[in-house]
Amino acid sequence: GRLQNRTDLMEELAKIVRVIRKQDPDAPHNTLLVLDATT
């Protein structure tokens, strides 16, 4: 979990996506964003 206002954590997420695409250029095939309704 990472706050959207933390640029360092968000960059880490972007890194995960780049590494996944090294294995499969089309991956991830689905990126699900889970939202909390109470927010």
PDB file of all heavy atoms in Angstrom:
ATOM      1  N   GLY A   1       0.823  -1.194   0.000  1.00  0.00           N
ATOM      2  CA  GLY A   1       0.000   0.000   0.000  1.00  0.00           C
ATOM      3  C   GLY A   1       0.858   1.245   0.000  1.00  0.00           C
ATOM      4  O   GLY A   1       1.898   1.310   0.652  1.00  0.00           O
ATOM      5  N   ARG A   2       0.437   2.206  -0.756  1.00  0.00           N
ATOM      6  CA  ARG A   2       1.233   3.433  -0.874  1.00  0.00           C
ATOM      7  C   ARG A   2       0.291   4.605  -1.080  1.00  0.00           C
ATOM      8  O   ARG A   2      -0.742   4.504  -1.754  1.00  0.00           O
ATOM      9  CB  ARG A   2       2.230   3.328  -2.029  1.00  0.00           C
ATOM     10  CG  ARG A   2       1.581   3.096  -3.368  1.00  0.00           C
ATOM     11  CD  ARG A   2       2.580   2.536  -4.377  1.00  0.00           C
ATOM     12  NE  ARG A   2       2.814   1.127  -4.134  1.00  0.00           N
ATOM     13  CZ  ARG A   2       4.018   0.580  -4.013  1.00  0.00           C
ATOM     14  NH1 ARG A   2       5.090   1.329  -4.113  1.00  0.00           N
ATOM     15  NH2 ARG A   2       4.169  -0.730  -3.806  1.00  0.00           N
ATOM     16  N   LEU A   3       0.611   5.718  -0.460  1.00  0.00           N
ATOM     17  CA  LEU A   3      -0.166   6.930  -0.628  1.00  0.00           C
ATOM     18  C   LEU A   3       0.151   7.571  -1.970  1.00  0.00           C
ATOM     19  O   LEU A   3       1.307   7.572  -2.415  1.00  0.00           O
ATOM     20  CB  LEU A   3       0.130   7.915   0.503  1.00  0.00           C
ATOM     21  CG  LEU A   3      -0.226   7.437   1.918  1.00  0.00           C
ATOM     22  CD1 LEU A   3       0.213   8.466   2.947  1.00  0.00           C
ATOM     23  CD2 LEU A   3      -1.709   7.161   2.039  1.00  0.00           C
ATOM     24  N   GLN A   4      -0.907   8.082  -2.589  1.00  0.00           N
ATOM     25  CA  GLN A   4      -0.721   8.658  -3.916  1.00  0.00           C
ATOM     26  C   GLN A   4       0.128   9.920  -3.900  1.00  0.00           C
ATOM     27  O   GLN A   4       0.636  10.339  -4.941  1.00  0.00           O
ATOM     28  CB  GLN A   4      -2.091   8.949  -4.562  1.00  0.00           C
ATOM     29  CG  GLN A   4      -2.863  10.115  -3.948  1.00  0.00           C
ATOM     30  CD  GLN A   4      -3.684   9.696  -2.760  1.00  0.00           C
ATOM     31  OE1 GLN A   4      -3.499   8.618  -2.210  1.00  0.00           O
ATOM     32  NE2 GLN A   4      -4.591  10.558  -2.334  1.00  0.00           N
ATOM     33  N   ASN A   5       0.296  10.517  -2.715  1.00  0.00           N
ATOM     34  CA  ASN A   5       1.107  11.736  -2.633  1.00  0.00           C
ATOM     35  C   ASN A   5       2.568  11.456  -2.262  1.00  0.00           C
ATOM     36  O   ASN A   5       3.346  12.387  -2.079  1.00  0.00           O
ATOM     37  CB  ASN A   5       0.498  12.720  -1.634  1.00  0.00           C
ATOM     38  CG  ASN A   5       0.318  12.117  -0.249  1.00  0.00           C
ATOM     39  OD1 ASN A   5       0.657  10.962   0.007  1.00  0.00           O
ATOM     40  ND2 ASN A   5      -0.214  12.915   0.671  1.00  0.00           N
ATOM     41  N   ARG A   6       2.943  10.182  -2.137  1.00  0.00           N
ATOM     42  CA  ARG A   6       4.342   9.811  -1.890  1.00  0.00           C
ATOM     43  C   ARG A   6       5.001   9.451  -3.209  1.00  0.00           C
ATOM     44  O   ARG A   6       4.839   8.338  -3.729  1.00  0.00           O
ATOM     45  CB  ARG A   6       4.418   8.648  -0.909  1.00  0.00           C
ATOM     46  CG  ARG A   6       4.034   8.992   0.516  1.00  0.00           C
ATOM     47  CD  ARG A   6       5.146   9.764   1.203  1.00  0.00           C
ATOM     48  NE  ARG A   6       6.413   9.035   1.198  1.00  0.00           N
ATOM     49  CZ  ARG A   6       6.764   8.144   2.134  1.00  0.00           C
ATOM     50  NH1 ARG A   6       5.951   7.878   3.150  1.00  0.00           N
ATOM     51  NH2 ARG A   6       7.948   7.534   2.063  1.00  0.00           N
ATOM     52  N   THR A   7       5.762  10.367  -3.756  1.00  0.00           N
ATOM     53  CA  THR A   7       6.356  10.161  -5.068  1.00  0.00           C
ATOM     54  C   THR A   7       7.352   9.006  -5.080  1.00  0.00           C
ATOM     55  O   THR A   7       7.467   8.288  -6.077  1.00  0.00           O
ATOM     56  CB  THR A   7       7.050  11.448  -5.541  1.00  0.00           C
ATOM     57  OG1 THR A   7       7.978  11.881  -4.595  1.00  0.00           O
ATOM     58  CG2 THR A   7       6.056  12.542  -5.766  1.00  0.00           C
ATOM     59  N   ASP A   8       8.092   8.796  -3.970  1.00  0.00           N
ATOM     60  CA  ASP A   8       9.062   7.709  -3.938  1.00  0.00           C
ATOM     61  C   ASP A   8       8.383   6.352  -4.029  1.00  0.00           C
ATOM     62  O   ASP A   8       8.863   5.452  -4.743  1.00  0.00           O
ATOM     63  CB  ASP A   8       9.916   7.808  -2.669  1.00  0.00           C
ATOM     64  CG  ASP A   8       9.073   7.847  -1.397  1.00  0.00           C
ATOM     65  OD1 ASP A   8       7.884   8.241  -1.460  1.00  0.00           O
ATOM     66  OD2 ASP A   8       9.615   7.479  -0.317  1.00  0.00           O
ATOM     67  N   LEU A   9       7.272   6.196  -3.285  1.00  0.00           N
ATOM     68  CA  LEU A   9       6.536   4.936  -3.336  1.00  0.00           C
ATOM     69  C   LEU A   9       5.859   4.732  -4.689  1.00  0.00           C
ATOM     70  O   LEU A   9       5.797   3.609  -5.190  1.00  0.00           O
ATOM     71  CB  LEU A   9       5.503   4.891  -2.214  1.00  0.00           C
ATOM     72  CG  LEU A   9       6.051   4.906  -0.789  1.00  0.00           C
ATOM     73  CD1 LEU A   9       4.914   4.928   0.224  1.00  0.00           C
ATOM     74  CD2 LEU A   9       6.946   3.699  -0.545  1.00  0.00           C
ATOM     75  N   MET A  10       5.358   5.795  -5.255  1.00  0.00           N
ATOM     76  CA  MET A  10       4.727   5.680  -6.561  1.00  0.00           C
ATOM     77  C   MET A  10       5.755   5.328  -7.640  1.00  0.00           C
ATOM     78  O   MET A  10       5.462   4.580  -8.575  1.00  0.00           O
ATOM     79  CB  MET A  10       4.009   6.972  -6.910  1.00  0.00           C
ATOM     80  CG  MET A  10       2.866   7.321  -5.959  1.00  0.00           C
ATOM     81  SD  MET A  10       1.609   6.035  -5.803  1.00  0.00           S
ATOM     82  CE  MET A  10       0.904   6.056  -7.440  1.00  0.00           C
ATOM     83  N   GLU A  11       6.955   5.831  -7.514  1.00  0.00           N
ATOM     84  CA  GLU A  11       8.006   5.469  -8.459  1.00  0.00           C
ATOM     85  C   GLU A  11       8.384   3.999  -8.326  1.00  0.00           C
ATOM     86  O   GLU A  11       8.740   3.343  -9.317  1.00  0.00           O
ATOM     87  CB  GLU A  11       9.247   6.347  -8.232  1.00  0.00           C
ATOM     88  CG  GLU A  11       9.098   7.758  -8.760  1.00  0.00           C
ATOM     89  CD  GLU A  11       8.906   7.786 -10.264  1.00  0.00           C
ATOM     90  OE1 GLU A  11       9.459   6.897 -10.964  1.00  0.00           O
ATOM     91  OE2 GLU A  11       8.192   8.680 -10.759  1.00  0.00           O
ATOM     92  N   GLU A  12       8.331   3.475  -7.116  1.00  0.00           N
ATOM     93  CA  GLU A  12       8.600   2.055  -6.912  1.00  0.00           C
ATOM     94  C   GLU A  12       7.562   1.203  -7.637  1.00  0.00           C
ATOM     95  O   GLU A  12       7.891   0.158  -8.217  1.00  0.00           O
ATOM     96  CB  GLU A  12       8.596   1.729  -5.417  1.00  0.00           C
ATOM     97  CG  GLU A  12       8.934   0.278  -5.101  1.00  0.00           C
ATOM     98  CD  GLU A  12       8.860  -0.008  -3.621  1.00  0.00           C
ATOM     99  OE1 GLU A  12       7.723  -0.147  -3.119  1.00  0.00           O
ATOM    100  OE2 GLU A  12       9.925  -0.055  -2.972  1.00  0.00           O
ATOM    101  N   LEU A  13       6.306   1.635  -7.627  1.00  0.00           N
ATOM    102  CA  LEU A  13       5.253   0.933  -8.360  1.00  0.00           C
ATOM    103  C   LEU A  13       5.530   0.972  -9.861  1.00  0.00           C
ATOM    104  O   LEU A  13       5.343  -0.029 -10.567  1.00  0.00           O
ATOM    105  CB  LEU A  13       3.896   1.551  -8.049  1.00  0.00           C
ATOM    106  CG  LEU A  13       2.683   0.951  -8.762  1.00  0.00           C
ATOM    107  CD1 LEU A  13       2.519  -0.516  -8.407  1.00  0.00           C
ATOM    108  CD2 LEU A  13       1.414   1.729  -8.411  1.00  0.00           C
ATOM    109  N   ALA A  14       5.939   2.106 -10.342  1.00  0.00           N
ATOM    110  CA  ALA A  14       6.281   2.211 -11.755  1.00  0.00           C
ATOM    111  C   ALA A  14       7.430   1.272 -12.120  1.00  0.00           C
ATOM    112  O   ALA A  14       7.462   0.711 -13.227  1.00  0.00           O
ATOM    113  CB  ALA A  14       6.648   3.669 -12.088  1.00  0.00           C
ATOM    114  N   LYS A  15       8.369   1.082 -11.200  1.00  0.00           N
ATOM    115  CA  LYS A  15       9.477   0.146 -11.428  1.00  0.00           C
ATOM    116  C   LYS A  15       8.969  -1.287 -11.570  1.00  0.00           C
ATOM    117  O   LYS A  15       9.454  -2.047 -12.432  1.00  0.00           O
ATOM    118  CB  LYS A  15      10.489   0.243 -10.287  1.00  0.00           C
ATOM    119  CG  LYS A  15      11.643  -0.748 -10.391  1.00  0.00           C
ATOM    120  CD  LYS A  15      12.525  -0.664  -9.155  1.00  0.00           C
ATOM    121  CE  LYS A  15      13.633  -1.729  -9.227  1.00  0.00           C
ATOM    122  NZ  LYS A  15      14.499  -1.686  -8.007  1.00  0.00           N
ATOM    123  N   ILE A  16       7.995  -1.676 -10.725  1.00  0.00           N
ATOM    124  CA  ILE A  16       7.415  -3.019 -10.810  1.00  0.00           C
ATOM    125  C   ILE A  16       6.813  -3.235 -12.196  1.00  0.00           C
ATOM    126  O   ILE A  16       7.001  -4.300 -12.809  1.00  0.00           O
ATOM    127  CB  ILE A  16       6.368  -3.222  -9.711  1.00  0.00           C
ATOM    128  CG1 ILE A  16       7.008  -3.175  -8.323  1.00  0.00           C
ATOM    129  CG2 ILE A  16       5.635  -4.552  -9.901  1.00  0.00           C
ATOM    130  CD1 ILE A  16       6.002  -3.237  -7.178  1.00  0.00           C
ATOM    131  N   VAL A  17       6.124  -2.249 -12.692  1.00  0.00           N
ATOM    132  CA  VAL A  17       5.507  -2.368 -14.014  1.00  0.00           C
ATOM    133  C   VAL A  17       6.586  -2.525 -15.089  1.00  0.00           C
ATOM    134  O   VAL A  17       6.458  -3.355 -16.005  1.00  0.00           O
ATOM    135  CB  VAL A  17       4.616  -1.142 -14.296  1.00  0.00           C
ATOM    136  CG1 VAL A  17       4.079  -1.189 -15.722  1.00  0.00           C
ATOM    137  CG2 VAL A  17       3.462  -1.094 -13.297  1.00  0.00           C
ATOM    138  N   ARG A  18       7.665  -1.780 -15.015  1.00  0.00           N
ATOM    139  CA  ARG A  18       8.737  -1.870 -16.013  1.00  0.00           C
ATOM    140  C   ARG A  18       9.389  -3.257 -15.990  1.00  0.00           C
ATOM    141  O   ARG A  18       9.673  -3.841 -17.049  1.00  0.00           O
ATOM    142  CB  ARG A  18       9.783  -0.791 -15.761  1.00  0.00           C
ATOM    143  CG  ARG A  18       9.305   0.628 -16.040  1.00  0.00           C
ATOM    144  CD  ARG A  18      10.497   1.594 -16.106  1.00  0.00           C
ATOM    145  NE  ARG A  18      11.277   1.603 -14.865  1.00  0.00           N
ATOM    146  CZ  ARG A  18      11.057   2.430 -13.865  1.00  0.00           C
ATOM    147  NH1 ARG A  18      10.042   3.317 -13.924  1.00  0.00           N
ATOM    148  NH2 ARG A  18      11.833   2.395 -12.785  1.00  0.00           N
ATOM    149  N   VAL A  19       9.625  -3.809 -14.807  1.00  0.00           N
ATOM    150  CA  VAL A  19      10.251  -5.128 -14.697  1.00  0.00           C
ATOM    151  C   VAL A  19       9.326  -6.212 -15.249  1.00  0.00           C
ATOM    152  O   VAL A  19       9.780  -7.151 -15.931  1.00  0.00           O
ATOM    153  CB  VAL A  19      10.624  -5.416 -13.228  1.00  0.00           C
ATOM    154  CG1 VAL A  19      11.076  -6.866 -13.064  1.00  0.00           C
ATOM    155  CG2 VAL A  19      11.720  -4.476 -12.756  1.00  0.00           C
ATOM    156  N   ILE A  20       8.031  -6.114 -14.946  1.00  0.00           N
ATOM    157  CA  ILE A  20       7.075  -7.089 -15.467  1.00  0.00           C
ATOM    158  C   ILE A  20       7.082  -7.089 -16.997  1.00  0.00           C
ATOM    159  O   ILE A  20       7.039  -8.155 -17.637  1.00  0.00           O
ATOM    160  CB  ILE A  20       5.662  -6.789 -14.927  1.00  0.00           C
ATOM    161  CG1 ILE A  20       5.578  -7.099 -13.428  1.00  0.00           C
ATOM    162  CG2 ILE A  20       4.615  -7.592 -15.683  1.00  0.00           C
ATOM    163  CD1 ILE A  20       4.237  -6.710 -12.804  1.00  0.00           C
ATOM    164  N   ARG A  21       7.187  -5.925 -17.592  1.00  0.00           N
ATOM    165  CA  ARG A  21       7.146  -5.828 -19.061  1.00  0.00           C
ATOM    166  C   ARG A  21       8.417  -6.349 -19.710  1.00  0.00           C
ATOM    167  O   ARG A  21       8.438  -6.567 -20.938  1.00  0.00           O
ATOM    168  CB  ARG A  21       6.884  -4.373 -19.460  1.00  0.00           C
ATOM    169  CG  ARG A  21       5.441  -3.955 -19.184  1.00  0.00           C
ATOM    170  CD  ARG A  21       5.175  -2.497 -19.472  1.00  0.00           C
ATOM    171  NE  ARG A  21       3.756  -2.211 -19.240  1.00  0.00           N
ATOM    172  CZ  ARG A  21       3.237  -0.979 -19.271  1.00  0.00           C
ATOM    173  NH1 ARG A  21       4.031   0.080 -19.525  1.00  0.00           N
ATOM    174  NH2 ARG A  21       1.941  -0.809 -19.039  1.00  0.00           N
ATOM    175  N   LYS A  22       9.469  -6.546 -18.940  1.00  0.00           N
ATOM    176  CA  LYS A  22      10.643  -7.221 -19.472  1.00  0.00           C
ATOM    177  C   LYS A  22      10.351  -8.689 -19.735  1.00  0.00           C
ATOM    178  O   LYS A  22      10.920  -9.291 -20.654  1.00  0.00           O
ATOM    179  CB  LYS A  22      11.821  -7.067 -18.507  1.00  0.00           C
ATOM    180  CG  LYS A  22      12.368  -5.651 -18.411  1.00  0.00           C
ATOM    181  CD  LYS A  22      13.545  -5.591 -17.453  1.00  0.00           C
ATOM    182  CE  LYS A  22      14.096  -4.159 -17.370  1.00  0.00           C
ATOM    183  NZ  LYS A  22      15.254  -4.073 -16.440  1.00  0.00           N
ATOM    184  N   GLN A  23       9.497  -9.269 -18.928  1.00  0.00           N
ATOM    185  CA  GLN A  23       9.083 -10.653 -19.121  1.00  0.00           C
ATOM    186  C   GLN A  23       8.018 -10.762 -20.208  1.00  0.00           C
ATOM    187  O   GLN A  23       8.028 -11.679 -21.012  1.00  0.00           O
ATOM    188  CB  GLN A  23       8.537 -11.235 -17.807  1.00  0.00           C
ATOM    189  CG  GLN A  23       9.595 -11.604 -16.798  1.00  0.00           C
ATOM    190  CD  GLN A  23      10.182 -12.980 -17.082  1.00  0.00           C
ATOM    191  OE1 GLN A  23      10.111 -13.489 -18.207  1.00  0.00           O
ATOM    192  NE2 GLN A  23      10.788 -13.571 -16.085  1.00  0.00           N
ATOM    193  N   ASP A  24       7.102  -9.823 -20.196  1.00  0.00           N
ATOM    194  CA  ASP A  24       6.006  -9.825 -21.159  1.00  0.00           C
ATOM    195  C   ASP A  24       5.680  -8.379 -21.490  1.00  0.00           C
ATOM    196  O   ASP A  24       5.196  -7.644 -20.624  1.00  0.00           O
ATOM    197  CB  ASP A  24       4.787 -10.545 -20.585  1.00  0.00           C
ATOM    198  CG  ASP A  24       3.675 -10.732 -21.607  1.00  0.00           C
ATOM    199  OD1 ASP A  24       3.718 -10.089 -22.691  1.00  0.00           O
ATOM    200  OD2 ASP A  24       2.755 -11.523 -21.325  1.00  0.00           O
ATOM    201  N   PRO A  25       5.943  -7.954 -22.730  1.00  0.00           N
ATOM    202  CA  PRO A  25       5.689  -6.555 -23.095  1.00  0.00           C
ATOM    203  C   PRO A  25       4.234  -6.125 -22.906  1.00  0.00           C
ATOM    204  O   PRO A  25       3.971  -4.927 -22.730  1.00  0.00           O
ATOM    205  CB  PRO A  25       6.094  -6.490 -24.575  1.00  0.00           C
ATOM    206  CG  PRO A  25       7.024  -7.655 -24.764  1.00  0.00           C
ATOM    207  CD  PRO A  25       6.541  -8.712 -23.830  1.00  0.00           C
ATOM    208  N   ASP A  26       3.319  -7.080 -22.951  1.00  0.00           N
ATOM    209  CA  ASP A  26       1.902  -6.747 -22.801  1.00  0.00           C
ATOM    210  C   ASP A  26       1.440  -6.762 -21.351  1.00  0.00           C
ATOM    211  O   ASP A  26       0.297  -6.405 -21.062  1.00  0.00           O
ATOM    212  CB  ASP A  26       1.042  -7.722 -23.612  1.00  0.00           C
ATOM    213  CG  ASP A  26       1.318  -7.637 -25.102  1.00  0.00           C
ATOM    214  OD1 ASP A  26       1.642  -6.521 -25.583  1.00  0.00           O
ATOM    215  OD2 ASP A  26       1.224  -8.684 -25.789  1.00  0.00           O
ATOM    216  N   ALA A  27       2.290  -7.223 -20.468  1.00  0.00           N
ATOM    217  CA  ALA A  27       1.925  -7.310 -19.046  1.00  0.00           C
ATOM    218  C   ALA A  27       2.150  -5.953 -18.350  1.00  0.00           C
ATOM    219  O   ALA A  27       2.994  -5.163 -18.789  1.00  0.00           O
ATOM    220  CB  ALA A  27       2.737  -8.413 -18.379  1.00  0.00           C
ATOM    221  N   PRO A  28       1.428  -5.689 -17.267  1.00  0.00           N
ATOM    222  CA  PRO A  28       0.299  -6.488 -16.766  1.00  0.00           C
ATOM    223  C   PRO A  28      -0.934  -6.329 -17.652  1.00  0.00           C
ATOM    224  O   PRO A  28      -1.221  -5.229 -18.134  1.00  0.00           O
ATOM    225  CB  PRO A  28       0.064  -5.896 -15.375  1.00  0.00           C
ATOM    226  CG  PRO A  28       0.544  -4.491 -15.462  1.00  0.00           C
ATOM    227  CD  PRO A  28       1.692  -4.505 -16.427  1.00  0.00           C
ATOM    228  N   HIS A  29      -1.616  -7.449 -17.842  1.00  0.00           N
ATOM    229  CA  HIS A  29      -2.796  -7.429 -18.704  1.00  0.00           C
ATOM    230  C   HIS A  29      -3.983  -6.746 -18.030  1.00  0.00           C
ATOM    231  O   HIS A  29      -4.860  -6.219 -18.708  1.00  0.00           O
ATOM    232  CB  HIS A  29      -3.158  -8.861 -19.092  1.00  0.00           C
ATOM    233  CG  HIS A  29      -2.012  -9.593 -19.728  1.00  0.00           C
ATOM    234  ND1 HIS A  29      -1.171 -10.405 -19.005  1.00  0.00           N
ATOM    235  CD2 HIS A  29      -1.562  -9.624 -21.009  1.00  0.00           C
ATOM    236  CE1 HIS A  29      -0.243 -10.928 -19.826  1.00  0.00           C
ATOM    237  NE2 HIS A  29      -0.464 -10.471 -21.044  1.00  0.00           N
ATOM    238  N   ASN A  30      -4.020  -6.793 -16.714  1.00  0.00           N
ATOM    239  CA  ASN A  30      -5.032  -6.088 -15.922  1.00  0.00           C
ATOM    240  C   ASN A  30      -4.343  -5.405 -14.755  1.00  0.00           C
ATOM    241  O   ASN A  30      -3.516  -6.026 -14.065  1.00  0.00           O
ATOM    242  CB  ASN A  30      -6.118  -7.026 -15.384  1.00  0.00           C
ATOM    243  CG  ASN A  30      -6.777  -7.859 -16.469  1.00  0.00           C
ATOM    244  OD1 ASN A  30      -6.364  -8.994 -16.712  1.00  0.00           O
ATOM    245  ND2 ASN A  30      -7.809  -7.301 -17.104  1.00  0.00           N
ATOM    246  N   THR A  31      -4.647  -4.144 -14.548  1.00  0.00           N
ATOM    247  CA  THR A  31      -4.179  -3.422 -13.363  1.00  0.00           C
ATOM    248  C   THR A  31      -5.403  -2.953 -12.604  1.00  0.00           C
ATOM    249  O   THR A  31      -6.103  -2.023 -13.032  1.00  0.00           O
ATOM    250  CB  THR A  31      -3.288  -2.231 -13.742  1.00  0.00           C
ATOM    251  OG1 THR A  31      -2.161  -2.693 -14.490  1.00  0.00           O
ATOM    252  CG2 THR A  31      -2.791  -1.529 -12.484  1.00  0.00           C
ATOM    253  N   LEU A  32      -5.653  -3.619 -11.491  1.00  0.00           N
ATOM    254  CA  LEU A  32      -6.841  -3.322 -10.702  1.00  0.00           C
ATOM    255  C   LEU A  32      -6.494  -2.343  -9.586  1.00  0.00           C
ATOM    256  O   LEU A  32      -5.573  -2.589  -8.801  1.00  0.00           O
ATOM    257  CB  LEU A  32      -7.426  -4.603 -10.092  1.00  0.00           C
ATOM    258  CG  LEU A  32      -7.820  -5.719 -11.066  1.00  0.00           C
ATOM    259  CD1 LEU A  32      -8.451  -6.880 -10.293  1.00  0.00           C
ATOM    260  CD2 LEU A  32      -8.762  -5.207 -12.134  1.00  0.00           C
ATOM    261  N   LEU A  33      -7.211  -1.267  -9.538  1.00  0.00           N
ATOM    262  CA  LEU A  33      -7.071  -0.296  -8.455  1.00  0.00           C
ATOM    263  C   LEU A  33      -8.186  -0.545  -7.447  1.00  0.00           C
ATOM    264  O   LEU A  33      -9.365  -0.421  -7.768  1.00  0.00           O
ATOM    265  CB  LEU A  33      -7.145   1.129  -8.987  1.00  0.00           C
ATOM    266  CG  LEU A  33      -7.140   2.247  -7.938  1.00  0.00           C
ATOM    267  CD1 LEU A  33      -5.896   2.196  -7.061  1.00  0.00           C
ATOM    268  CD2 LEU A  33      -7.287   3.615  -8.604  1.00  0.00           C
ATOM    269  N   VAL A  34      -7.793  -0.909  -6.222  1.00  0.00           N
ATOM    270  CA  VAL A  34      -8.751  -1.170  -5.150  1.00  0.00           C
ATOM    271  C   VAL A  34      -8.964   0.128  -4.379  1.00  0.00           C
ATOM    272  O   VAL A  34      -8.006   0.733  -3.883  1.00  0.00           O
ATOM    273  CB  VAL A  34      -8.252  -2.285  -4.217  1.00  0.00           C
ATOM    274  CG1 VAL A  34      -9.271  -2.526  -3.098  1.00  0.00           C
ATOM    275  CG2 VAL A  34      -8.031  -3.568  -5.006  1.00  0.00           C
ATOM    276  N   LEU A  35     -10.227   0.549  -4.277  1.00  0.00           N
ATOM    277  CA  LEU A  35     -10.589   1.800  -3.620  1.00  0.00           C
ATOM    278  C   LEU A  35     -11.423   1.526  -2.375  1.00  0.00           C
ATOM    279  O   LEU A  35     -12.267   0.635  -2.368  1.00  0.00           O
ATOM    280  CB  LEU A  35     -11.384   2.700  -4.571  1.00  0.00           C
ATOM    281  CG  LEU A  35     -10.656   3.150  -5.845  1.00  0.00           C
ATOM    282  CD1 LEU A  35     -11.637   3.846  -6.771  1.00  0.00           C
ATOM    283  CD2 LEU A  35      -9.485   4.062  -5.518  1.00  0.00           C
ATOM    284  N   ASP A  36     -11.170   2.311  -1.367  1.00  0.00           N
ATOM    285  CA  ASP A  36     -11.925   2.257  -0.121  1.00  0.00           C
ATOM    286  C   ASP A  36     -13.053   3.287  -0.211  1.00  0.00           C
ATOM    287  O   ASP A  36     -12.808   4.483  -0.367  1.00  0.00           O
ATOM    288  CB  ASP A  36     -11.006   2.558   1.058  1.00  0.00           C
ATOM    289  CG  ASP A  36     -11.699   2.423   2.404  1.00  0.00           C
ATOM    290  OD1 ASP A  36     -12.944   2.342   2.450  1.00  0.00           O
ATOM    291  OD2 ASP A  36     -10.997   2.435   3.437  1.00  0.00           O
ATOM    292  N   ALA A  37     -14.297   2.830  -0.120  1.00  0.00           N
ATOM    293  CA  ALA A  37     -15.442   3.723  -0.270  1.00  0.00           C
ATOM    294  C   ALA A  37     -15.496   4.787   0.813  1.00  0.00           C
ATOM    295  O   ALA A  37     -16.093   5.845   0.617  1.00  0.00           O
ATOM    296  CB  ALA A  37     -16.747   2.918  -0.279  1.00  0.00           C
ATOM    297  N   THR A  38     -14.872   4.522   1.957  1.00  0.00           N
ATOM    298  CA  THR A  38     -14.920   5.487   3.051  1.00  0.00           C
ATOM    299  C   THR A  38     -14.047   6.711   2.799  1.00  0.00           C
ATOM    300  O   THR A  38     -14.150   7.701   3.524  1.00  0.00           O
ATOM    301  CB  THR A  38     -14.494   4.824   4.368  1.00  0.00           C
ATOM    302  OG1 THR A  38     -13.140   4.345   4.259  1.00  0.00           O
ATOM    303  CG2 THR A  38     -15.396   3.647   4.690  1.00  0.00           C
ATOM    304  N   THR A  39     -13.173   6.661   1.795  1.00  0.00           N
ATOM    305  CA  THR A  39     -12.315   7.803   1.501  1.00  0.00           C
ATOM    306  C   THR A  39     -13.051   8.930   0.795  1.00  0.00           C
ATOM    307  O   THR A  39     -12.544  10.054   0.716  1.00  0.00           O
ATOM    308  CB  THR A  39     -11.119   7.374   0.642  1.00  0.00           C
ATOM    309  OG1 THR A  39     -11.582   6.811  -0.590  1.00  0.00           O
ATOM    310  CG2 THR A  39     -10.269   6.356   1.374  1.00  0.00           C
TER     311      THR A  39
END
